[in-house]
Amino acid sequence: MTFEPERLGQSRSDLAEAMRTLRKRAGVTQTALARRAALSQTKISNIEGGKLTPALVDVELILDALGAEGPEAEELLSLARTANTEWQDHWSSRRRGLDKKQNELARLEAASTEFRYFLLSAITSLLATPEYVRASIADVPGDQSKTVARKLERQSILHDGSKSFTFILTEQAVRWPFLSPVGMAMQLDWLASVSRIPSVRLGVIPLSGHIPEMPLNTFTVYDRRLATVETGTGALILRDHRDVTAYREAFERYETYAVFGDDCRELLSDWSEIFTRQRE
């Protein structure tokens, strides 16, 4: 199937129709299919009605129950993967208002418990000083005060003891001179402070030693159900369990290269001192 970003997240109706047609052609009722596939009849009905986007494992169970194989089965699995992937481009987000995007993120954070952030090239707003947050949207026209305020409000979730956050930042993300030397020194000192919050585990991957793999994107994993992958022009929202698992496993590998705790804070202090000396 050709990659078409505008189709991502819009294939649920196509998948629903294809699944419904396949079942009817096989002469099987929804109740019988649910029994064969070990799924509820309500779930089968919601999938065929386009009310629910099925995970790939559900589609595989249904295909097996109907004896479907070959090109038709592959096409349905491809449709399911596309339906479980969403594309959010930056321009659409800006047209809707970046403060609305912050509200969406806040709802996602409220509904999640475990967070894994891999930060390749920049510091996420959850860890940013007000100056860093303002600079990150300085190129957006208009009054962005609501967006800045909302980004800073979201940081309070880091103190929610019912949630756990693991942040892995590359040295490049931490030391990229996005602000003035004074601003960067303050930002690094802030990272060290945030690393002491009980629900936060913050690590840095130093650009030293040997790292036999090359990360391509910043990404976030929410529990075991969703991953977001940042690109230069937007973000992919991945819900298929295989995609989410792949990013969880990638995160675990990068985690082995990171330093945490006092060792991390010592690095942050050294780098902050370098920025401090630059202003002298």
Protein backbone atom coordinates (compact mmCIF):
# COMPACT_ATOMS: atom_id res chain seq x y z
CA MET A 1 0.00 0.00 0.00
CA THR A 2 1.35 3.42 -0.94
CA PHE A 3 2.17 5.69 2.02
CA GLU A 4 -0.29 8.57 2.01
CA PRO A 5 -0.17 10.69 5.20
CA GLU A 6 -3.61 12.16 4.53
CA ARG A 7 -5.10 8.65 4.70
CA LEU A 8 -3.64 7.80 8.11
CA GLY A 9 -6.31 7.57 10.75
CA GLN A 10 -9.03 7.70 8.07
CA SER A 11 -9.17 4.02 7.08
CA ARG A 12 -11.52 2.82 9.82
CA SER A 13 -14.58 2.97 7.54
CA ASP A 14 -12.70 1.15 4.75
CA LEU A 15 -11.61 -1.54 7.19
CA ALA A 16 -15.11 -1.86 8.67
CA GLU A 17 -16.66 -2.37 5.25
CA ALA A 18 -14.03 -4.90 4.21
CA MET A 19 -14.41 -6.89 7.43
CA ARG A 20 -18.21 -6.89 7.14
CA THR A 21 -18.06 -8.00 3.48
CA LEU A 22 -15.61 -10.80 4.27
CA ARG A 23 -17.81 -12.19 7.05
CA LYS A 24 -21.00 -12.07 4.98
CA ARG A 25 -19.32 -13.71 2.02
CA ALA A 26 -18.24 -16.52 4.33
CA GLY A 27 -21.87 -16.95 5.45
CA VAL A 28 -21.04 -16.45 9.12
CA THR A 29 -23.11 -14.43 11.61
CA GLN A 30 -21.53 -11.92 13.96
CA THR A 31 -22.38 -14.18 16.91
CA ALA A 32 -20.72 -17.21 15.31
CA LEU A 33 -17.65 -15.18 14.33
CA ALA A 34 -17.33 -13.81 17.85
CA ARG A 35 -17.40 -17.35 19.23
CA ARG A 36 -14.80 -18.62 16.72
CA ALA A 37 -12.45 -15.65 17.26
CA ALA A 38 -12.88 -15.55 21.07
CA LEU A 39 -14.12 -11.95 20.87
CA SER A 40 -17.36 -10.43 22.07
CA GLN A 41 -20.26 -10.00 19.64
CA THR A 42 -20.37 -6.33 20.66
CA LYS A 43 -16.76 -5.89 19.61
CA ILE A 44 -17.40 -7.53 16.24
CA SER A 45 -20.42 -5.26 15.74
CA ASN A 46 -18.46 -2.13 16.66
CA ILE A 47 -15.61 -3.07 14.31
CA GLU A 48 -17.97 -3.69 11.40
CA GLY A 49 -19.91 -0.53 12.20
CA GLY A 50 -16.77 1.62 12.17
CA LYS A 51 -17.21 2.55 15.84
CA LEU A 52 -14.02 0.81 16.96
CA THR A 53 -10.58 0.60 15.37
CA PRO A 54 -9.42 -2.99 15.92
CA ALA A 55 -5.86 -3.82 16.88
CA LEU A 56 -3.94 -5.97 14.42
CA VAL A 57 -4.23 -8.95 16.78
CA ASP A 58 -8.04 -8.68 16.62
CA VAL A 59 -7.97 -8.57 12.83
CA GLU A 60 -5.68 -11.60 12.77
CA LEU A 61 -8.07 -13.53 15.02
CA ILE A 62 -11.00 -12.66 12.76
CA LEU A 63 -9.12 -13.60 9.60
CA ASP A 64 -8.13 -16.96 11.11
CA ALA A 65 -11.71 -17.58 12.23
CA LEU A 66 -12.96 -16.94 8.68
CA GLY A 67 -10.14 -18.90 7.04
CA ALA A 68 -9.00 -15.84 5.08
CA GLU A 69 -5.46 -15.86 3.70
CA GLY A 70 -3.37 -14.68 0.78
CA PRO A 71 -3.56 -11.20 -0.81
CA GLU A 72 -6.99 -10.42 0.65
CA ALA A 73 -5.81 -11.09 4.20
CA GLU A 74 -2.67 -9.05 3.63
CA GLU A 75 -4.76 -6.13 2.33
CA LEU A 76 -6.97 -6.22 5.42
CA LEU A 77 -3.94 -6.29 7.72
CA SER A 78 -2.49 -3.34 5.82
CA LEU A 79 -5.77 -1.45 6.24
CA ALA A 80 -5.74 -2.24 9.96
CA ARG A 81 -2.22 -0.89 10.38
CA THR A 82 -3.13 2.31 8.52
CA ALA A 83 -6.29 2.73 10.60
CA ASN A 84 -4.17 2.46 13.76
CA THR A 85 -1.82 5.23 12.60
CA GLU A 86 -2.61 8.94 12.64
CA TRP A 87 -0.69 11.86 11.13
CA GLN A 88 -0.82 15.29 12.79
CA ASP A 89 0.94 17.95 10.76
CA HIS A 90 2.29 21.09 12.42
CA TRP A 91 0.39 23.45 10.13
CA SER A 92 -3.01 21.99 11.07
CA SER A 93 -2.11 22.23 14.76
CA ARG A 94 -1.16 25.86 14.35
CA ARG A 95 -4.37 26.67 12.49
CA ARG A 96 -6.45 25.11 15.25
CA GLY A 97 -4.42 26.88 17.92
CA LEU A 98 -1.46 25.44 19.82
CA ASP A 99 -3.32 25.87 23.11
CA LYS A 100 -5.85 23.27 21.87
CA LYS A 101 -2.98 20.87 21.19
CA GLN A 102 -1.86 21.37 24.77
CA ASN A 103 -5.34 20.42 25.97
CA GLU A 104 -5.19 17.22 23.91
CA LEU A 105 -1.83 16.35 25.44
CA ALA A 106 -3.14 17.06 28.93
CA ARG A 107 -6.04 14.65 28.38
CA LEU A 108 -3.64 11.98 27.11
CA GLU A 109 -1.38 12.49 30.12
CA ALA A 110 -4.32 12.27 32.50
CA ALA A 111 -5.34 8.93 30.98
CA SER A 112 -1.83 7.42 31.11
CA THR A 113 0.31 6.09 33.95
CA GLU A 114 3.76 5.27 32.55
CA PHE A 115 5.57 7.74 30.29
CA ARG A 116 8.79 7.19 28.35
CA TYR A 117 10.31 10.18 26.54
CA PHE A 118 13.29 9.81 24.22
CA LEU A 119 14.52 13.32 23.41
CA LEU A 120 16.97 13.36 20.54
CA SER A 121 17.49 17.03 19.75
CA ALA A 122 15.52 19.29 22.11
CA ILE A 123 14.05 19.50 25.60
CA THR A 124 10.34 18.74 25.96
CA SER A 125 8.09 21.41 27.44
CA LEU A 126 7.45 19.22 30.50
CA LEU A 127 11.10 19.82 31.43
CA ALA A 128 11.51 23.34 30.08
CA THR A 129 11.97 26.69 31.77
CA PRO A 130 9.51 29.47 30.82
CA GLU A 131 12.20 31.06 28.62
CA TYR A 132 12.79 27.78 26.76
CA VAL A 133 9.04 27.28 26.27
CA ARG A 134 8.61 30.78 24.86
CA ALA A 135 11.55 30.34 22.52
CA SER A 136 10.19 27.02 21.24
CA ILE A 137 7.12 28.72 19.73
CA ALA A 138 8.67 32.10 18.94
CA ASP A 139 8.19 31.51 15.20
CA VAL A 140 4.42 31.09 15.55
CA PRO A 141 2.63 34.35 14.69
CA GLY A 142 0.17 35.98 17.09
CA ASP A 143 -0.20 36.02 20.85
CA GLN A 144 1.06 32.71 22.24
CA SER A 145 0.63 33.56 25.92
CA LYS A 146 -2.16 30.98 26.37
CA THR A 147 -0.01 28.26 24.85
CA VAL A 148 2.97 29.14 27.06
CA ALA A 149 0.77 29.16 30.15
CA ARG A 150 -0.80 25.81 29.24
CA LYS A 151 2.60 24.20 28.59
CA LEU A 152 3.82 25.35 32.00
CA GLU A 153 0.59 24.22 33.72
CA ARG A 154 1.07 20.72 32.31
CA GLN A 155 4.35 20.41 34.24
CA SER A 156 2.38 19.90 37.47
CA ILE A 157 1.65 16.32 36.38
CA LEU A 158 5.28 15.46 37.17
CA HIS A 159 4.34 15.68 40.85
CA ASP A 160 1.50 13.15 40.54
CA GLY A 161 2.67 10.20 42.61
CA SER A 162 0.38 7.80 40.76
CA LYS A 163 2.39 8.26 37.54
CA SER A 164 5.97 7.51 36.53
CA PHE A 165 8.09 9.40 34.01
CA THR A 166 11.36 8.33 32.43
CA PHE A 167 13.13 10.94 30.30
CA ILE A 168 16.19 10.07 28.23
CA LEU A 169 17.94 13.04 26.63
CA THR A 170 20.94 12.91 24.34
CA GLU A 171 23.80 15.23 25.15
CA GLN A 172 22.92 17.09 21.96
CA ALA A 173 19.37 17.74 23.21
CA VAL A 174 20.68 19.07 26.51
CA ARG A 175 23.52 21.21 25.17
CA TRP A 176 22.07 22.57 21.92
CA PRO A 177 22.45 26.36 22.40
CA PHE A 178 18.80 27.17 21.88
CA LEU A 179 18.94 30.09 24.33
CA SER A 180 21.59 32.54 25.41
CA PRO A 181 24.35 31.08 27.60
CA VAL A 182 22.58 32.43 30.70
CA GLY A 183 19.29 30.90 29.63
CA MET A 184 20.90 27.55 28.85
CA ALA A 185 22.67 27.45 32.22
CA MET A 186 19.32 28.06 33.94
CA GLN A 187 17.69 25.35 31.82
CA LEU A 188 20.32 22.76 32.73
CA ASP A 189 20.06 23.66 36.41
CA TRP A 190 16.29 23.20 36.10
CA LEU A 191 16.76 19.72 34.59
CA ALA A 192 18.87 18.77 37.59
CA SER A 193 16.13 19.98 39.93
CA VAL A 194 13.39 18.11 38.07
CA SER A 195 15.47 14.91 38.23
CA ARG A 196 14.93 14.90 42.01
CA ILE A 197 11.13 14.68 41.76
CA PRO A 198 10.17 11.20 43.09
CA SER A 199 8.02 10.26 40.07
CA VAL A 200 10.71 11.35 37.57
CA ARG A 201 13.69 9.36 36.32
CA LEU A 202 15.88 11.56 34.13
CA GLY A 203 18.91 10.31 32.24
CA VAL A 204 21.37 11.70 29.72
CA ILE A 205 23.23 9.80 26.99
CA PRO A 206 26.70 11.39 26.76
CA LEU A 207 28.42 11.60 23.38
CA SER A 208 31.29 9.40 24.44
CA GLY A 209 32.18 5.75 24.33
CA HIS A 210 30.56 3.48 21.75
CA ILE A 211 26.84 3.53 20.88
CA PRO A 212 26.31 0.95 18.10
CA GLU A 213 22.98 2.29 16.87
CA MET A 214 21.69 5.57 15.52
CA PRO A 215 18.33 7.01 16.68
CA LEU A 216 16.37 8.91 14.06
CA ASN A 217 13.50 10.55 15.94
CA THR A 218 12.23 11.94 19.19
CA PHE A 219 9.44 9.72 20.50
CA THR A 220 7.15 9.19 23.48
CA VAL A 221 5.50 5.98 24.66
CA TYR A 222 2.34 6.14 26.78
CA ASP A 223 1.86 2.95 28.79
CA ARG A 224 1.66 0.04 26.32
CA ARG A 225 -1.05 1.52 24.14
CA LEU A 226 0.28 4.47 22.17
CA ALA A 227 3.50 5.97 20.80
CA THR A 228 4.08 9.34 19.20
CA VAL A 229 7.00 9.92 16.84
CA GLU A 230 8.11 13.46 16.03
CA THR A 231 9.28 14.50 12.58
CA GLY A 232 10.26 17.86 11.13
CA THR A 233 6.73 18.57 9.88
CA GLY A 234 4.44 16.69 12.24
CA ALA A 235 3.92 13.64 14.41
CA LEU A 236 2.88 10.05 13.83
CA ILE A 237 0.44 8.62 16.37
CA LEU A 238 0.87 4.84 16.53
CA ARG A 239 -1.67 2.60 18.28
CA ASP A 240 -0.84 -0.82 16.90
CA HIS A 241 0.67 -2.94 19.68
CA ARG A 242 3.56 -4.04 17.45
CA ASP A 243 4.59 -0.45 16.77
CA VAL A 244 4.24 0.51 20.44
CA THR A 245 6.25 -2.54 21.51
CA ALA A 246 8.99 -1.70 18.99
CA TYR A 247 9.39 1.78 20.47
CA ARG A 248 9.31 0.46 24.04
CA GLU A 249 12.12 -1.93 23.13
CA ALA A 250 14.09 0.84 21.44
CA PHE A 251 13.67 2.96 24.56
CA GLU A 252 14.99 0.15 26.75
CA ARG A 253 18.08 -0.16 24.56
CA TYR A 254 18.81 3.58 24.70
CA GLU A 255 18.26 3.47 28.44
CA THR A 256 21.33 1.23 28.81
CA TYR A 257 23.53 4.01 27.41
CA ALA A 258 22.16 6.73 29.73
CA VAL A 259 23.45 7.90 33.09
CA PHE A 260 20.99 8.70 35.87
CA GLY A 261 20.91 10.08 39.40
CA ASP A 262 23.97 11.82 40.80
CA ASP A 263 26.08 10.95 37.73
CA CYS A 264 23.53 12.64 35.50
CA ARG A 265 23.33 15.71 37.74
CA GLU A 266 27.12 15.96 37.75
CA LEU A 267 27.13 16.06 33.94
CA LEU A 268 24.37 18.68 33.91
CA SER A 269 26.32 20.78 36.41
CA ASP A 270 29.50 20.57 34.32
CA TRP A 271 27.66 21.60 31.15
CA SER A 272 25.84 24.39 32.98
CA GLU A 273 29.20 25.72 34.16
CA ILE A 274 30.44 25.77 30.56
CA PHE A 275 27.48 27.96 29.57
CA THR A 276 28.05 30.16 32.63
CA ARG A 277 31.66 30.77 31.64
CA GLN A 278 30.56 31.74 28.11
CA ARG A 279 28.78 34.82 29.43
CA GLU A 280 31.83 36.10 31.25
